[in-house]
Amino acid sequence: MKRRLYFLFPDSEQAWRAVADLDALGVDRGHIHTLAAPGIDLGNLPPATGRQRRDFLGHLEQRVWNANLLLFSAAAIGLIVAAVFGSLAGAVTALVVMLVSFLGGAWFATSVPNIHLDGFRTALQHGEILLMVDLSRECAEEVEELMRRRHPEALDSGSGWTPNAFGV
């Protein structure tokens, strides 16, 4: 799993300078994605894929979260049924499933960074350029420092996660 850093730029010229700095730092151009409102000229900036534009990861994360809630609820119902029928094995199984579901959800909620494109819609509508950079955790700090030092106009908008697969 990689980190996806998000930076907002007021215009494409400043975003282009940041991409040039990322190139000089050795960031692969295939891991840089640019998103803007329709009608905004991005020039030669690396465009976001269709899945990135539709926030595929946000939808996937929501589905996984809902599936986890459904699993927990089914296990809770299973616990009640096991208690009614006096099944110790069923009750233990249901409790283990509930515990794993709860701990998995808690880990995801507290440990996995989650920034989604919906938070940038207003900025994009105002003509700003969103630069998304996919990096390993170790490289992320170096890129964040580079952006703070060389591009103070860029709004550091946080980080999310990406599986670095399937063009997401």
N, C-alpha and C. Protein backbone atom coordinates (compact mmCIF):
# COMPACT_ATOMS: atom_id res chain seq x y z
N MET A 1 0.85 -1.17 0.00
CA MET A 1 0.00 0.00 0.00
C MET A 1 0.90 1.23 0.00
N LYS A 2 0.54 2.20 -0.81
CA LYS A 2 1.30 3.43 -0.91
C LYS A 2 0.49 4.58 -0.32
N ARG A 3 1.20 5.67 -0.06
CA ARG A 3 0.56 6.91 0.37
C ARG A 3 0.24 7.73 -0.87
N ARG A 4 -0.89 8.39 -0.85
CA ARG A 4 -1.23 9.34 -1.90
C ARG A 4 -1.28 10.71 -1.24
N LEU A 5 -0.35 11.58 -1.64
CA LEU A 5 -0.31 12.94 -1.11
C LEU A 5 -1.13 13.84 -2.03
N TYR A 6 -1.84 14.78 -1.44
CA TYR A 6 -2.68 15.70 -2.19
C TYR A 6 -2.18 17.12 -1.98
N PHE A 7 -2.00 17.85 -3.09
CA PHE A 7 -1.58 19.25 -3.04
C PHE A 7 -2.47 20.05 -3.97
N LEU A 8 -2.96 21.19 -3.49
CA LEU A 8 -3.76 22.09 -4.31
C LEU A 8 -2.90 23.26 -4.75
N PHE A 9 -2.96 23.56 -6.04
CA PHE A 9 -2.22 24.69 -6.60
C PHE A 9 -3.20 25.68 -7.20
N PRO A 10 -2.87 26.99 -7.11
CA PRO A 10 -3.77 28.00 -7.65
C PRO A 10 -3.86 27.99 -9.18
N ASP A 11 -2.82 27.51 -9.86
CA ASP A 11 -2.87 27.48 -11.32
C ASP A 11 -1.96 26.37 -11.87
N SER A 12 -2.09 26.11 -13.16
CA SER A 12 -1.35 25.00 -13.76
C SER A 12 0.14 25.30 -13.89
N GLU A 13 0.51 26.56 -14.00
CA GLU A 13 1.94 26.90 -14.10
C GLU A 13 2.68 26.51 -12.82
N GLN A 14 2.10 26.82 -11.68
CA GLN A 14 2.74 26.46 -10.41
C GLN A 14 2.73 24.94 -10.21
N ALA A 15 1.66 24.29 -10.65
CA ALA A 15 1.61 22.83 -10.56
C ALA A 15 2.69 22.22 -11.45
N TRP A 16 2.91 22.81 -12.63
CA TRP A 16 3.94 22.30 -13.53
C TRP A 16 5.33 22.42 -12.90
N ARG A 17 5.60 23.53 -12.21
CA ARG A 17 6.90 23.67 -11.53
C ARG A 17 7.07 22.62 -10.45
N ALA A 18 6.00 22.29 -9.75
CA ALA A 18 6.07 21.26 -8.72
C ALA A 18 6.33 19.89 -9.35
N VAL A 19 5.70 19.61 -10.47
CA VAL A 19 5.94 18.34 -11.16
C VAL A 19 7.39 18.26 -11.63
N ALA A 20 7.94 19.37 -12.10
CA ALA A 20 9.35 19.38 -12.51
C ALA A 20 10.25 19.09 -11.31
N ASP A 21 9.92 19.64 -10.15
CA ASP A 21 10.71 19.35 -8.94
C ASP A 21 10.58 17.88 -8.53
N LEU A 22 9.39 17.33 -8.69
CA LEU A 22 9.20 15.92 -8.37
C LEU A 22 9.99 15.04 -9.34
N ASP A 23 10.02 15.44 -10.62
CA ASP A 23 10.85 14.72 -11.60
C ASP A 23 12.32 14.75 -11.18
N ALA A 24 12.79 15.92 -10.77
CA ALA A 24 14.19 16.07 -10.36
C ALA A 24 14.49 15.23 -9.12
N LEU A 25 13.48 15.04 -8.27
CA LEU A 25 13.65 14.23 -7.06
C LEU A 25 13.64 12.73 -7.38
N GLY A 26 13.21 12.40 -8.59
CA GLY A 26 13.19 10.99 -9.00
C GLY A 26 11.85 10.31 -8.86
N VAL A 27 10.79 11.08 -8.66
CA VAL A 27 9.45 10.50 -8.57
C VAL A 27 9.02 10.10 -9.98
N ASP A 28 8.61 8.87 -10.14
CA ASP A 28 8.16 8.36 -11.43
C ASP A 28 6.92 9.13 -11.90
N ARG A 29 6.93 9.57 -13.14
CA ARG A 29 5.82 10.35 -13.69
C ARG A 29 4.51 9.56 -13.65
N GLY A 30 4.60 8.24 -13.69
CA GLY A 30 3.40 7.41 -13.62
C GLY A 30 2.71 7.44 -12.26
N HIS A 31 3.39 8.01 -11.26
CA HIS A 31 2.81 8.10 -9.92
C HIS A 31 2.36 9.52 -9.58
N ILE A 32 2.31 10.36 -10.60
CA ILE A 32 1.85 11.75 -10.43
C ILE A 32 0.58 11.90 -11.26
N HIS A 33 -0.47 12.44 -10.65
CA HIS A 33 -1.76 12.58 -11.32
C HIS A 33 -2.32 13.97 -11.04
N THR A 34 -2.88 14.58 -12.06
CA THR A 34 -3.41 15.93 -11.93
C THR A 34 -4.90 15.93 -12.24
N LEU A 35 -5.64 16.69 -11.46
CA LEU A 35 -7.08 16.77 -11.63
C LEU A 35 -7.50 18.24 -11.57
N ALA A 36 -8.38 18.61 -12.47
CA ALA A 36 -8.91 19.97 -12.49
C ALA A 36 -10.35 19.93 -12.98
N ALA A 37 -11.04 21.02 -12.83
CA ALA A 37 -12.41 21.12 -13.31
C ALA A 37 -12.42 21.07 -14.84
N PRO A 38 -13.52 20.64 -15.43
CA PRO A 38 -13.62 20.65 -16.89
C PRO A 38 -13.38 22.06 -17.42
N GLY A 39 -12.63 22.14 -18.52
CA GLY A 39 -12.34 23.43 -19.13
C GLY A 39 -11.03 24.04 -18.68
N ILE A 40 -10.41 23.51 -17.63
CA ILE A 40 -9.12 24.01 -17.17
C ILE A 40 -8.03 23.31 -17.98
N ASP A 41 -7.16 24.09 -18.60
CA ASP A 41 -6.08 23.54 -19.41
C ASP A 41 -4.96 23.06 -18.50
N LEU A 42 -4.68 21.77 -18.56
CA LEU A 42 -3.61 21.20 -17.76
C LEU A 42 -2.30 21.13 -18.53
N GLY A 43 -2.32 21.47 -19.80
CA GLY A 43 -1.09 21.44 -20.59
C GLY A 43 -0.50 20.04 -20.60
N ASN A 44 0.77 19.95 -20.25
CA ASN A 44 1.47 18.67 -20.25
C ASN A 44 1.51 18.01 -18.87
N LEU A 45 0.70 18.47 -17.96
CA LEU A 45 0.65 17.83 -16.64
C LEU A 45 0.09 16.42 -16.77
N PRO A 46 0.59 15.48 -15.99
CA PRO A 46 0.09 14.10 -16.09
C PRO A 46 -1.36 14.02 -15.61
N PRO A 47 -2.27 13.57 -16.47
CA PRO A 47 -3.70 13.56 -16.10
C PRO A 47 -4.05 12.41 -15.16
N ALA A 48 -5.12 12.59 -14.42
CA ALA A 48 -5.66 11.53 -13.58
C ALA A 48 -6.42 10.55 -14.45
N THR A 49 -6.45 9.30 -14.04
CA THR A 49 -7.21 8.29 -14.78
C THR A 49 -8.70 8.47 -14.49
N GLY A 50 -9.52 7.77 -15.25
CA GLY A 50 -10.96 7.82 -15.03
C GLY A 50 -11.35 7.35 -13.64
N ARG A 51 -10.70 6.29 -13.17
CA ARG A 51 -11.00 5.80 -11.82
C ARG A 51 -10.60 6.82 -10.75
N GLN A 52 -9.50 7.51 -10.96
CA GLN A 52 -9.08 8.52 -10.00
C GLN A 52 -10.06 9.69 -10.01
N ARG A 53 -10.55 10.06 -11.17
CA ARG A 53 -11.52 11.15 -11.28
C ARG A 53 -12.83 10.82 -10.58
N ARG A 54 -13.22 9.55 -10.62
CA ARG A 54 -14.49 9.12 -10.00
C ARG A 54 -14.31 8.75 -8.53
N ASP A 55 -13.10 8.89 -7.99
CA ASP A 55 -12.80 8.55 -6.60
C ASP A 55 -13.15 7.10 -6.30
N PHE A 56 -12.62 6.21 -7.13
CA PHE A 56 -12.85 4.78 -6.98
C PHE A 56 -12.48 4.30 -5.59
N LEU A 57 -11.36 4.78 -5.05
CA LEU A 57 -10.94 4.34 -3.72
C LEU A 57 -11.92 4.76 -2.64
N GLY A 58 -12.51 5.92 -2.77
CA GLY A 58 -13.50 6.37 -1.80
C GLY A 58 -14.72 5.45 -1.80
N HIS A 59 -15.16 5.08 -3.00
CA HIS A 59 -16.31 4.18 -3.11
C HIS A 59 -15.96 2.78 -2.60
N LEU A 60 -14.76 2.31 -2.92
CA LEU A 60 -14.31 1.01 -2.45
C LEU A 60 -14.22 0.99 -0.92
N GLU A 61 -13.67 2.03 -0.36
CA GLU A 61 -13.55 2.12 1.10
C GLU A 61 -14.93 2.10 1.75
N GLN A 62 -15.88 2.81 1.17
CA GLN A 62 -17.24 2.83 1.72
C GLN A 62 -17.88 1.45 1.66
N ARG A 63 -17.67 0.74 0.56
CA ARG A 63 -18.23 -0.61 0.43
C ARG A 63 -17.61 -1.57 1.46
N VAL A 64 -16.30 -1.49 1.63
CA VAL A 64 -15.64 -2.36 2.61
C VAL A 64 -16.13 -2.04 4.02
N TRP A 65 -16.28 -0.75 4.32
CA TRP A 65 -16.77 -0.35 5.64
C TRP A 65 -18.18 -0.89 5.87
N ASN A 66 -19.05 -0.75 4.87
CA ASN A 66 -20.42 -1.24 5.00
C ASN A 66 -20.45 -2.77 5.13
N ALA A 67 -19.58 -3.46 4.40
CA ALA A 67 -19.50 -4.92 4.50
C ALA A 67 -19.06 -5.32 5.91
N ASN A 68 -18.14 -4.58 6.48
CA ASN A 68 -17.68 -4.87 7.84
C ASN A 68 -18.83 -4.67 8.84
N LEU A 69 -19.61 -3.61 8.67
CA LEU A 69 -20.76 -3.38 9.56
C LEU A 69 -21.79 -4.50 9.41
N LEU A 70 -22.00 -4.93 8.19
CA LEU A 70 -22.94 -6.02 7.93
C LEU A 70 -22.44 -7.33 8.58
N LEU A 71 -21.15 -7.60 8.46
CA LEU A 71 -20.57 -8.79 9.08
C LEU A 71 -20.74 -8.75 10.59
N PHE A 72 -20.46 -7.60 11.20
CA PHE A 72 -20.61 -7.46 12.65
C PHE A 72 -22.06 -7.69 13.05
N SER A 73 -23.00 -7.10 12.29
CA SER A 73 -24.42 -7.26 12.61
C SER A 73 -24.86 -8.71 12.47
N ALA A 74 -24.40 -9.38 11.43
CA ALA A 74 -24.75 -10.80 11.24
C ALA A 74 -24.20 -11.64 12.38
N ALA A 75 -22.98 -11.34 12.81
CA ALA A 75 -22.40 -12.08 13.93
C ALA A 75 -23.17 -11.81 15.22
N ALA A 76 -23.64 -10.58 15.41
CA ALA A 76 -24.43 -10.26 16.61
C ALA A 76 -25.75 -11.04 16.59
N ILE A 77 -26.37 -11.12 15.42
CA ILE A 77 -27.60 -11.92 15.31
C ILE A 77 -27.29 -13.39 15.56
N GLY A 78 -26.14 -13.84 15.03
CA GLY A 78 -25.72 -15.22 15.27
C GLY A 78 -25.50 -15.49 16.75
N LEU A 79 -24.97 -14.51 17.47
CA LEU A 79 -24.77 -14.66 18.91
C LEU A 79 -26.10 -14.82 19.63
N ILE A 80 -27.07 -14.02 19.24
CA ILE A 80 -28.41 -14.12 19.86
C ILE A 80 -29.03 -15.48 19.57
N VAL A 81 -28.93 -15.92 18.31
CA VAL A 81 -29.48 -17.23 17.95
C VAL A 81 -28.76 -18.35 18.72
N ALA A 82 -27.45 -18.25 18.83
CA ALA A 82 -26.69 -19.26 19.58
C ALA A 82 -27.10 -19.28 21.04
N ALA A 83 -27.35 -18.11 21.62
CA ALA A 83 -27.78 -18.04 23.02
C ALA A 83 -29.16 -18.66 23.19
N VAL A 84 -30.05 -18.40 22.25
CA VAL A 84 -31.41 -18.95 22.33
C VAL A 84 -31.38 -20.47 22.26
N PHE A 85 -30.54 -21.02 21.38
CA PHE A 85 -30.48 -22.47 21.20
C PHE A 85 -29.43 -23.13 22.10
N GLY A 86 -28.73 -22.35 22.90
CA GLY A 86 -27.78 -22.90 23.85
C GLY A 86 -26.54 -23.49 23.20
N SER A 87 -26.10 -22.95 22.09
CA SER A 87 -24.93 -23.45 21.38
C SER A 87 -23.69 -22.68 21.81
N LEU A 88 -22.85 -23.32 22.60
CA LEU A 88 -21.63 -22.68 23.07
C LEU A 88 -20.67 -22.42 21.90
N ALA A 89 -20.53 -23.38 20.99
CA ALA A 89 -19.63 -23.22 19.83
C ALA A 89 -20.11 -22.08 18.93
N GLY A 90 -21.41 -21.99 18.72
CA GLY A 90 -21.97 -20.91 17.91
C GLY A 90 -21.73 -19.55 18.55
N ALA A 91 -21.89 -19.49 19.87
CA ALA A 91 -21.70 -18.23 20.59
C ALA A 91 -20.24 -17.79 20.53
N VAL A 92 -19.32 -18.74 20.73
CA VAL A 92 -17.89 -18.42 20.68
C VAL A 92 -17.50 -17.96 19.28
N THR A 93 -18.00 -18.66 18.26
CA THR A 93 -17.70 -18.28 16.87
C THR A 93 -18.22 -16.88 16.58
N ALA A 94 -19.44 -16.60 16.98
CA ALA A 94 -20.02 -15.28 16.75
C ALA A 94 -19.23 -14.20 17.48
N LEU A 95 -18.81 -14.47 18.70
CA LEU A 95 -18.02 -13.49 19.45
C LEU A 95 -16.67 -13.24 18.79
N VAL A 96 -16.03 -14.30 18.29
CA VAL A 96 -14.74 -14.13 17.61
C VAL A 96 -14.91 -13.29 16.35
N VAL A 97 -15.95 -13.59 15.56
CA VAL A 97 -16.20 -12.82 14.34
C VAL A 97 -16.48 -11.35 14.70
N MET A 98 -17.27 -11.12 15.73
CA MET A 98 -17.55 -9.74 16.15
C MET A 98 -16.28 -9.02 16.58
N LEU A 99 -15.43 -9.71 17.33
CA LEU A 99 -14.19 -9.11 17.80
C LEU A 99 -13.26 -8.77 16.63
N VAL A 100 -13.10 -9.70 15.69
CA VAL A 100 -12.25 -9.45 14.53
C VAL A 100 -12.81 -8.30 13.70
N SER A 101 -14.11 -8.28 13.50
CA SER A 101 -14.74 -7.20 12.74
C SER A 101 -14.55 -5.85 13.43
N PHE A 102 -14.75 -5.84 14.74
CA PHE A 102 -14.58 -4.60 15.50
C PHE A 102 -13.14 -4.10 15.44
N LEU A 103 -12.19 -5.00 15.69
CA LEU A 103 -10.78 -4.60 15.69
C LEU A 103 -10.32 -4.16 14.30
N GLY A 104 -10.79 -4.85 13.26
CA GLY A 104 -10.45 -4.45 11.90
C GLY A 104 -11.00 -3.07 11.57
N GLY A 105 -12.24 -2.82 11.97
CA GLY A 105 -12.83 -1.50 11.74
C GLY A 105 -12.14 -0.41 12.54
N ALA A 106 -11.78 -0.72 13.77
CA ALA A 106 -11.08 0.27 14.61
C ALA A 106 -9.70 0.58 14.03
N TRP A 107 -9.00 -0.46 13.58
CA TRP A 107 -7.68 -0.23 12.96
C TRP A 107 -7.83 0.64 11.73
N PHE A 108 -8.78 0.33 10.89
CA PHE A 108 -8.97 1.10 9.66
C PHE A 108 -9.33 2.55 9.97
N ALA A 109 -10.21 2.75 10.94
CA ALA A 109 -10.65 4.10 11.28
C ALA A 109 -9.55 4.94 11.91
N THR A 110 -8.64 4.31 12.65
CA THR A 110 -7.62 5.08 13.35
C THR A 110 -6.26 5.09 12.67
N SER A 111 -5.98 4.12 11.81
CA SER A 111 -4.63 4.00 11.26
C SER A 111 -4.49 4.31 9.77
N VAL A 112 -5.53 4.13 9.00
CA VAL A 112 -5.44 4.32 7.56
C VAL A 112 -5.89 5.75 7.23
N PRO A 113 -4.98 6.54 6.63
CA PRO A 113 -5.37 7.91 6.27
C PRO A 113 -6.43 7.87 5.16
N ASN A 114 -7.42 8.72 5.27
CA ASN A 114 -8.48 8.69 4.27
C ASN A 114 -8.93 10.08 3.88
N ILE A 115 -8.35 10.56 2.81
CA ILE A 115 -8.76 11.81 2.18
C ILE A 115 -9.43 11.42 0.88
N HIS A 116 -10.55 12.03 0.57
CA HIS A 116 -11.27 11.68 -0.65
C HIS A 116 -11.51 12.92 -1.51
N LEU A 117 -11.76 12.67 -2.78
CA LEU A 117 -11.92 13.77 -3.73
C LEU A 117 -13.10 14.68 -3.41
N ASP A 118 -14.10 14.18 -2.73
CA ASP A 118 -15.24 15.03 -2.39
C ASP A 118 -14.81 16.27 -1.61
N GLY A 119 -13.76 16.16 -0.85
CA GLY A 119 -13.26 17.30 -0.08
C GLY A 119 -12.60 18.37 -0.95
N PHE A 120 -12.33 18.05 -2.20
CA PHE A 120 -11.67 18.99 -3.10
C PHE A 120 -12.60 19.57 -4.16
N ARG A 121 -13.84 19.15 -4.20
CA ARG A 121 -14.75 19.58 -5.28
C ARG A 121 -14.90 21.10 -5.36
N THR A 122 -15.03 21.75 -4.22
CA THR A 122 -15.20 23.20 -4.22
C THR A 122 -13.96 23.90 -4.76
N ALA A 123 -12.79 23.46 -4.31
CA ALA A 123 -11.54 24.07 -4.79
C ALA A 123 -11.38 23.85 -6.29
N LEU A 124 -11.71 22.67 -6.76
CA LEU A 124 -11.60 22.40 -8.19
C LEU A 124 -12.57 23.27 -8.99
N GLN A 125 -13.75 23.49 -8.47
CA GLN A 125 -14.73 24.34 -9.14
C GLN A 125 -14.26 25.80 -9.22
N HIS A 126 -13.39 26.19 -8.29
CA HIS A 126 -12.84 27.54 -8.30
C HIS A 126 -11.58 27.66 -9.14
N GLY A 127 -11.25 26.60 -9.90
CA GLY A 127 -10.14 26.67 -10.83
C GLY A 127 -8.80 26.20 -10.30
N GLU A 128 -8.78 25.65 -9.10
CA GLU A 128 -7.51 25.16 -8.57
C GLU A 128 -7.16 23.82 -9.19
N ILE A 129 -5.88 23.47 -9.11
CA ILE A 129 -5.36 22.24 -9.68
C ILE A 129 -4.98 21.30 -8.53
N LEU A 130 -5.46 20.06 -8.58
CA LEU A 130 -5.13 19.07 -7.57
C LEU A 130 -4.05 18.15 -8.11
N LEU A 131 -2.96 18.07 -7.37
CA LEU A 131 -1.86 17.18 -7.72
C LEU A 131 -1.86 16.03 -6.72
N MET A 132 -1.94 14.80 -7.25
CA MET A 132 -1.92 13.60 -6.41
C MET A 132 -0.62 12.86 -6.71
N VAL A 133 0.12 12.54 -5.67
CA VAL A 133 1.42 11.88 -5.83
C VAL A 133 1.42 10.60 -5.00
N ASP A 134 1.63 9.47 -5.67
CA ASP A 134 1.65 8.16 -5.00
C ASP A 134 3.08 7.77 -4.69
N LEU A 135 3.36 7.54 -3.40
CA LEU A 135 4.72 7.27 -2.95
C LEU A 135 4.72 6.22 -1.85
N SER A 136 5.90 5.67 -1.61
CA SER A 136 6.05 4.83 -0.43
C SER A 136 6.03 5.74 0.80
N ARG A 137 5.79 5.17 1.94
CA ARG A 137 5.71 5.96 3.17
C ARG A 137 7.02 6.70 3.44
N GLU A 138 8.15 6.05 3.11
CA GLU A 138 9.46 6.67 3.36
C GLU A 138 9.67 7.91 2.49
N CYS A 139 9.23 7.85 1.25
CA CYS A 139 9.42 8.98 0.33
C CYS A 139 8.43 10.11 0.58
N ALA A 140 7.30 9.80 1.21
CA ALA A 140 6.26 10.79 1.40
C ALA A 140 6.76 11.99 2.21
N GLU A 141 7.51 11.73 3.27
CA GLU A 141 8.00 12.83 4.10
C GLU A 141 8.94 13.74 3.32
N GLU A 142 9.79 13.14 2.47
CA GLU A 142 10.72 13.92 1.66
C GLU A 142 9.97 14.81 0.68
N VAL A 143 8.92 14.29 0.07
CA VAL A 143 8.14 15.08 -0.89
C VAL A 143 7.37 16.18 -0.16
N GLU A 144 6.81 15.87 0.99
CA GLU A 144 6.11 16.90 1.76
C GLU A 144 7.05 18.05 2.13
N GLU A 145 8.26 17.72 2.53
CA GLU A 145 9.26 18.74 2.87
C GLU A 145 9.63 19.56 1.64
N LEU A 146 9.80 18.90 0.50
CA LEU A 146 10.10 19.61 -0.74
C LEU A 146 8.99 20.60 -1.08
N MET A 147 7.76 20.19 -0.96
CA MET A 147 6.64 21.07 -1.28
C MET A 147 6.56 22.26 -0.32
N ARG A 148 6.80 22.00 0.96
CA ARG A 148 6.78 23.11 1.93
C ARG A 148 7.90 24.12 1.63
N ARG A 149 9.06 23.60 1.27
CA ARG A 149 10.23 24.45 1.06
C ARG A 149 10.17 25.19 -0.28
N ARG A 150 9.83 24.50 -1.36
CA ARG A 150 9.92 25.10 -2.70
C ARG A 150 8.59 25.63 -3.23
N HIS A 151 7.48 25.20 -2.64
CA HIS A 151 6.16 25.60 -3.17
C HIS A 151 5.22 26.01 -2.03
N PRO A 152 5.51 27.12 -1.40
CA PRO A 152 4.64 27.55 -0.29
C PRO A 152 3.22 27.89 -0.75
N GLU A 153 3.05 28.14 -2.06
CA GLU A 153 1.71 28.44 -2.58
C GLU A 153 0.82 27.21 -2.61
N ALA A 154 1.43 26.03 -2.57
CA ALA A 154 0.67 24.78 -2.61
C ALA A 154 0.05 24.51 -1.26
N LEU A 155 -1.21 24.19 -1.27
CA LEU A 155 -1.91 23.85 -0.05
C LEU A 155 -1.75 22.35 0.17
N ASP A 156 -1.02 21.98 1.22
CA ASP A 156 -0.85 20.57 1.58
C ASP A 156 -2.19 20.10 2.12
N SER A 157 -2.85 19.23 1.38
CA SER A 157 -4.21 18.85 1.72
C SER A 157 -4.32 17.47 2.34
N GLY A 158 -3.21 16.93 2.78
CA GLY A 158 -3.25 15.67 3.49
C GLY A 158 -2.81 14.49 2.65
N SER A 159 -3.07 13.30 3.18
CA SER A 159 -2.68 12.09 2.48
C SER A 159 -3.75 11.04 2.64
N GLY A 160 -3.76 10.13 1.70
CA GLY A 160 -4.67 9.00 1.72
C GLY A 160 -3.86 7.75 1.41
N TRP A 161 -4.52 6.70 1.02
CA TRP A 161 -3.84 5.46 0.70
C TRP A 161 -4.22 5.06 -0.71
N THR A 162 -3.41 4.24 -1.30
CA THR A 162 -3.70 3.67 -2.61
C THR A 162 -3.03 2.32 -2.69
N PRO A 163 -3.70 1.34 -3.28
CA PRO A 163 -3.09 0.02 -3.40
C PRO A 163 -2.07 -0.05 -4.53
N ASN A 164 -1.94 1.03 -5.32
CA ASN A 164 -0.98 1.08 -6.42
C ASN A 164 -1.24 -0.05 -7.42
N ALA A 165 -2.49 -0.28 -7.69
CA ALA A 165 -2.85 -1.32 -8.64
C ALA A 165 -4.12 -0.91 -9.38
N PHE A 166 -4.29 -1.45 -10.55
CA PHE A 166 -5.52 -1.28 -11.33
C PHE A 166 -5.82 0.17 -11.69
N GLY A 167 -4.80 1.04 -11.73
CA GLY A 167 -5.01 2.42 -12.13
C GLY A 167 -5.82 3.24 -11.16
N VAL A 168 -5.78 2.90 -9.88
CA VAL A 168 -6.52 3.67 -8.90
C VAL A 168 -5.55 4.54 -8.13
